[in-house]
Amino acid sequence: MISLGDQRQRELTERLKSVYLRRTKEEVLNDSLKSKDERVVLCELSEVQKKIYERILSLSDYNFLRHAKSPCDCGVNQDFFRGYKLLRTR
């Protein structure tokens, strides 16, 4: 069933190539974009920033995201994690 889905995806992608134009920033704006300059600056959070950060950490949605790849109590992804643990121990 998965191979059929993969096959259909390839067919759809092939058909869309003729009508779908994909352009990237690098292709279109190459001459006008400046290079990206990133810097990491470490500093203390302000009190407001600390409160916002603590609030985000306390949200149930954040907790769900944090544990999204953890084994499920219901056992649905149990086989995956069993295999994953075997890979990590090799």
N, C-alpha and C. Protein backbone atom coordinates (compact mmCIF):
# COMPACT_ATOMS: atom_id res chain seq x y z
N MET A 1 0.81 -1.19 0.00
CA MET A 1 0.00 0.00 0.00
C MET A 1 0.86 1.27 0.00
N ILE A 2 1.95 1.24 0.76
CA ILE A 2 2.82 2.42 0.81
C ILE A 2 3.50 2.63 -0.54
N SER A 3 3.93 1.55 -1.18
CA SER A 3 4.58 1.69 -2.49
C SER A 3 3.62 2.28 -3.52
N LEU A 4 2.33 1.93 -3.42
CA LEU A 4 1.33 2.50 -4.32
C LEU A 4 1.22 4.00 -4.07
N GLY A 5 1.22 4.39 -2.81
CA GLY A 5 1.18 5.82 -2.46
C GLY A 5 2.39 6.56 -2.98
N ASP A 6 3.57 5.95 -2.85
CA ASP A 6 4.79 6.56 -3.37
C ASP A 6 4.72 6.71 -4.89
N GLN A 7 4.21 5.67 -5.55
CA GLN A 7 4.07 5.70 -7.01
C GLN A 7 3.14 6.82 -7.43
N ARG A 8 2.00 6.95 -6.75
CA ARG A 8 1.04 8.00 -7.09
C ARG A 8 1.63 9.39 -6.85
N GLN A 9 2.42 9.51 -5.80
CA GLN A 9 3.07 10.79 -5.51
C GLN A 9 4.03 11.16 -6.63
N ARG A 10 4.81 10.21 -7.10
CA ARG A 10 5.74 10.47 -8.21
C ARG A 10 4.98 10.86 -9.47
N GLU A 11 3.87 10.17 -9.74
CA GLU A 11 3.06 10.49 -10.92
C GLU A 11 2.50 11.91 -10.83
N LEU A 12 1.99 12.26 -9.67
CA LEU A 12 1.44 13.61 -9.48
C LEU A 12 2.53 14.66 -9.65
N THR A 13 3.67 14.43 -9.06
CA THR A 13 4.79 15.37 -9.17
C THR A 13 5.20 15.55 -10.62
N GLU A 14 5.27 14.44 -11.35
CA GLU A 14 5.64 14.50 -12.76
C GLU A 14 4.63 15.30 -13.58
N ARG A 15 3.35 15.09 -13.31
CA ARG A 15 2.31 15.82 -14.05
C ARG A 15 2.31 17.31 -13.72
N LEU A 16 2.60 17.65 -12.49
CA LEU A 16 2.56 19.05 -12.08
C LEU A 16 3.77 19.84 -12.56
N LYS A 17 4.86 19.16 -12.90
CA LYS A 17 6.06 19.86 -13.34
C LYS A 17 5.80 20.81 -14.50
N SER A 18 4.91 20.42 -15.40
CA SER A 18 4.66 21.24 -16.57
C SER A 18 3.81 22.49 -16.26
N VAL A 19 3.08 22.48 -15.16
CA VAL A 19 2.21 23.62 -14.86
C VAL A 19 2.61 24.38 -13.60
N TYR A 20 3.50 23.80 -12.83
CA TYR A 20 3.89 24.40 -11.55
C TYR A 20 5.27 25.01 -11.69
N LEU A 21 5.38 26.30 -11.44
CA LEU A 21 6.65 27.00 -11.54
C LEU A 21 7.20 27.21 -10.13
N ARG A 22 8.34 26.65 -9.88
CA ARG A 22 8.96 26.80 -8.57
C ARG A 22 10.18 27.69 -8.73
N ARG A 23 10.16 28.81 -8.03
CA ARG A 23 11.27 29.75 -8.09
C ARG A 23 11.75 30.02 -6.68
N THR A 24 13.04 30.03 -6.50
CA THR A 24 13.61 30.29 -5.18
C THR A 24 14.16 31.72 -5.13
N LYS A 25 14.36 32.19 -3.93
CA LYS A 25 14.93 33.53 -3.76
C LYS A 25 16.30 33.63 -4.43
N GLU A 26 17.06 32.54 -4.31
CA GLU A 26 18.41 32.56 -4.87
C GLU A 26 18.37 32.74 -6.38
N GLU A 27 17.39 32.16 -7.04
CA GLU A 27 17.28 32.27 -8.49
C GLU A 27 16.77 33.65 -8.92
N VAL A 28 15.81 34.17 -8.20
CA VAL A 28 15.12 35.40 -8.61
C VAL A 28 15.84 36.64 -8.10
N LEU A 29 16.27 36.62 -6.86
CA LEU A 29 16.84 37.82 -6.25
C LEU A 29 18.33 37.72 -5.98
N ASN A 30 19.00 36.85 -6.69
CA ASN A 30 20.41 36.58 -6.41
C ASN A 30 21.26 37.84 -6.40
N ASP A 31 21.03 38.74 -7.31
CA ASP A 31 21.86 39.95 -7.40
C ASP A 31 21.50 41.00 -6.36
N SER A 32 20.26 41.00 -5.87
CA SER A 32 19.83 42.07 -4.97
C SER A 32 19.84 41.67 -3.50
N LEU A 33 20.01 40.38 -3.19
CA LEU A 33 20.04 39.95 -1.79
C LEU A 33 21.45 40.04 -1.21
N LYS A 34 21.55 40.58 -0.02
CA LYS A 34 22.83 40.61 0.67
C LYS A 34 23.03 39.26 1.34
N SER A 35 24.26 38.92 1.60
CA SER A 35 24.52 37.66 2.29
C SER A 35 24.05 37.75 3.74
N LYS A 36 23.67 36.63 4.26
CA LYS A 36 23.12 36.57 5.61
C LYS A 36 24.26 36.60 6.62
N ASP A 37 24.12 37.41 7.65
CA ASP A 37 25.13 37.51 8.69
C ASP A 37 24.45 37.23 10.02
N GLU A 38 24.74 36.09 10.60
CA GLU A 38 24.11 35.72 11.87
C GLU A 38 25.13 35.81 12.99
N ARG A 39 24.65 36.27 14.13
CA ARG A 39 25.50 36.36 15.31
C ARG A 39 24.70 35.87 16.51
N VAL A 40 25.35 35.12 17.35
CA VAL A 40 24.72 34.65 18.58
C VAL A 40 25.20 35.54 19.71
N VAL A 41 24.25 36.13 20.40
CA VAL A 41 24.58 37.02 21.51
C VAL A 41 23.92 36.45 22.76
N LEU A 42 24.73 36.18 23.75
CA LEU A 42 24.20 35.65 25.01
C LEU A 42 23.98 36.80 25.98
N CYS A 43 22.78 36.85 26.53
CA CYS A 43 22.48 37.90 27.50
C CYS A 43 21.38 37.41 28.43
N GLU A 44 21.23 38.06 29.54
CA GLU A 44 20.18 37.72 30.50
C GLU A 44 18.82 38.11 29.94
N LEU A 45 17.83 37.29 30.23
CA LEU A 45 16.47 37.64 29.84
C LEU A 45 15.93 38.70 30.79
N SER A 46 15.09 39.56 30.26
CA SER A 46 14.43 40.54 31.12
C SER A 46 13.34 39.80 31.90
N GLU A 47 12.78 40.44 32.88
CA GLU A 47 11.72 39.81 33.69
C GLU A 47 10.52 39.43 32.83
N VAL A 48 10.15 40.30 31.90
CA VAL A 48 9.03 40.02 31.00
C VAL A 48 9.35 38.80 30.14
N GLN A 49 10.57 38.75 29.60
CA GLN A 49 10.96 37.61 28.77
C GLN A 49 10.96 36.31 29.57
N LYS A 50 11.42 36.38 30.82
CA LYS A 50 11.41 35.18 31.68
C LYS A 50 9.99 34.68 31.91
N LYS A 51 9.07 35.61 32.18
CA LYS A 51 7.68 35.22 32.41
C LYS A 51 7.07 34.59 31.15
N ILE A 52 7.35 35.18 30.00
CA ILE A 52 6.84 34.63 28.74
C ILE A 52 7.42 33.24 28.51
N TYR A 53 8.71 33.08 28.72
CA TYR A 53 9.38 31.79 28.53
C TYR A 53 8.78 30.73 29.47
N GLU A 54 8.61 31.08 30.72
CA GLU A 54 8.03 30.14 31.68
C GLU A 54 6.60 29.78 31.30
N ARG A 55 5.86 30.75 30.81
CA ARG A 55 4.48 30.50 30.37
C ARG A 55 4.45 29.51 29.20
N ILE A 56 5.32 29.71 28.24
CA ILE A 56 5.39 28.80 27.09
C ILE A 56 5.73 27.38 27.56
N LEU A 57 6.69 27.26 28.45
CA LEU A 57 7.08 25.94 28.96
C LEU A 57 5.94 25.25 29.71
N SER A 58 5.02 26.01 30.26
CA SER A 58 3.92 25.42 31.03
C SER A 58 2.72 25.04 30.17
N LEU A 59 2.71 25.45 28.90
CA LEU A 59 1.58 25.14 28.03
C LEU A 59 1.52 23.65 27.70
N SER A 60 0.31 23.10 27.69
CA SER A 60 0.16 21.69 27.36
C SER A 60 0.58 21.41 25.92
N ASP A 61 0.34 22.34 25.01
CA ASP A 61 0.75 22.15 23.62
C ASP A 61 2.27 22.01 23.51
N TYR A 62 2.99 22.81 24.29
CA TYR A 62 4.44 22.71 24.28
C TYR A 62 4.87 21.34 24.79
N ASN A 63 4.21 20.88 25.82
CA ASN A 63 4.54 19.57 26.39
C ASN A 63 4.28 18.46 25.38
N PHE A 64 3.17 18.57 24.63
CA PHE A 64 2.88 17.58 23.58
C PHE A 64 3.98 17.57 22.53
N LEU A 65 4.41 18.74 22.10
CA LEU A 65 5.47 18.83 21.10
C LEU A 65 6.79 18.27 21.63
N ARG A 66 7.07 18.55 22.88
CA ARG A 66 8.32 18.09 23.48
C ARG A 66 8.39 16.57 23.53
N HIS A 67 7.23 15.94 23.72
CA HIS A 67 7.18 14.48 23.84
C HIS A 67 6.62 13.81 22.59
N ALA A 68 6.55 14.53 21.49
CA ALA A 68 5.93 14.01 20.27
C ALA A 68 6.60 12.75 19.75
N LYS A 69 7.89 12.62 19.97
CA LYS A 69 8.60 11.45 19.46
C LYS A 69 8.92 10.44 20.55
N SER A 70 8.24 10.53 21.66
CA SER A 70 8.42 9.58 22.75
C SER A 70 7.46 8.41 22.57
N PRO A 71 7.79 7.26 23.15
CA PRO A 71 6.86 6.12 23.05
C PRO A 71 5.50 6.47 23.64
N CYS A 72 4.47 5.96 23.01
CA CYS A 72 3.09 6.20 23.44
C CYS A 72 2.66 5.13 24.45
N ASP A 73 1.91 5.52 25.46
CA ASP A 73 1.41 4.57 26.45
C ASP A 73 0.50 3.52 25.84
N CYS A 74 -0.17 3.86 24.74
CA CYS A 74 -1.11 2.94 24.12
C CYS A 74 -0.39 1.87 23.30
N GLY A 75 0.93 2.04 23.06
CA GLY A 75 1.69 1.03 22.34
C GLY A 75 1.70 1.16 20.84
N VAL A 76 1.05 2.19 20.30
CA VAL A 76 0.96 2.33 18.85
C VAL A 76 2.34 2.39 18.21
N ASN A 77 3.25 3.16 18.76
CA ASN A 77 4.57 3.30 18.16
C ASN A 77 5.64 2.50 18.90
N GLN A 78 5.24 1.49 19.60
CA GLN A 78 6.14 0.68 20.41
C GLN A 78 7.21 -0.01 19.55
N ASP A 79 6.81 -0.58 18.41
CA ASP A 79 7.77 -1.26 17.53
C ASP A 79 8.82 -0.30 17.00
N PHE A 80 8.38 0.91 16.65
CA PHE A 80 9.32 1.91 16.15
C PHE A 80 10.40 2.19 17.19
N PHE A 81 10.00 2.41 18.44
CA PHE A 81 10.98 2.75 19.47
C PHE A 81 11.85 1.57 19.85
N ARG A 82 11.33 0.39 19.74
CA ARG A 82 12.14 -0.80 19.99
C ARG A 82 13.26 -0.85 18.95
N GLY A 83 12.91 -0.65 17.68
CA GLY A 83 13.92 -0.61 16.62
C GLY A 83 14.87 0.55 16.76
N TYR A 84 14.35 1.70 17.17
CA TYR A 84 15.17 2.90 17.35
C TYR A 84 16.21 2.68 18.44
N LYS A 85 15.79 2.07 19.54
CA LYS A 85 16.73 1.79 20.64
C LYS A 85 17.82 0.83 20.19
N LEU A 86 17.46 -0.15 19.36
CA LEU A 86 18.46 -1.09 18.84
C LEU A 86 19.49 -0.38 17.98
N LEU A 87 19.05 0.59 17.17
CA LEU A 87 19.97 1.34 16.33
C LEU A 87 20.94 2.17 17.17
N ARG A 88 20.46 2.72 18.25
CA ARG A 88 21.29 3.58 19.09
C ARG A 88 22.34 2.80 19.85
N THR A 89 22.09 1.53 20.13
CA THR A 89 23.02 0.73 20.91
C THR A 89 24.12 0.10 20.05
N ARG A 90 23.99 0.18 18.74
CA ARG A 90 25.00 -0.43 17.85
C ARG A 90 26.20 0.42 17.69
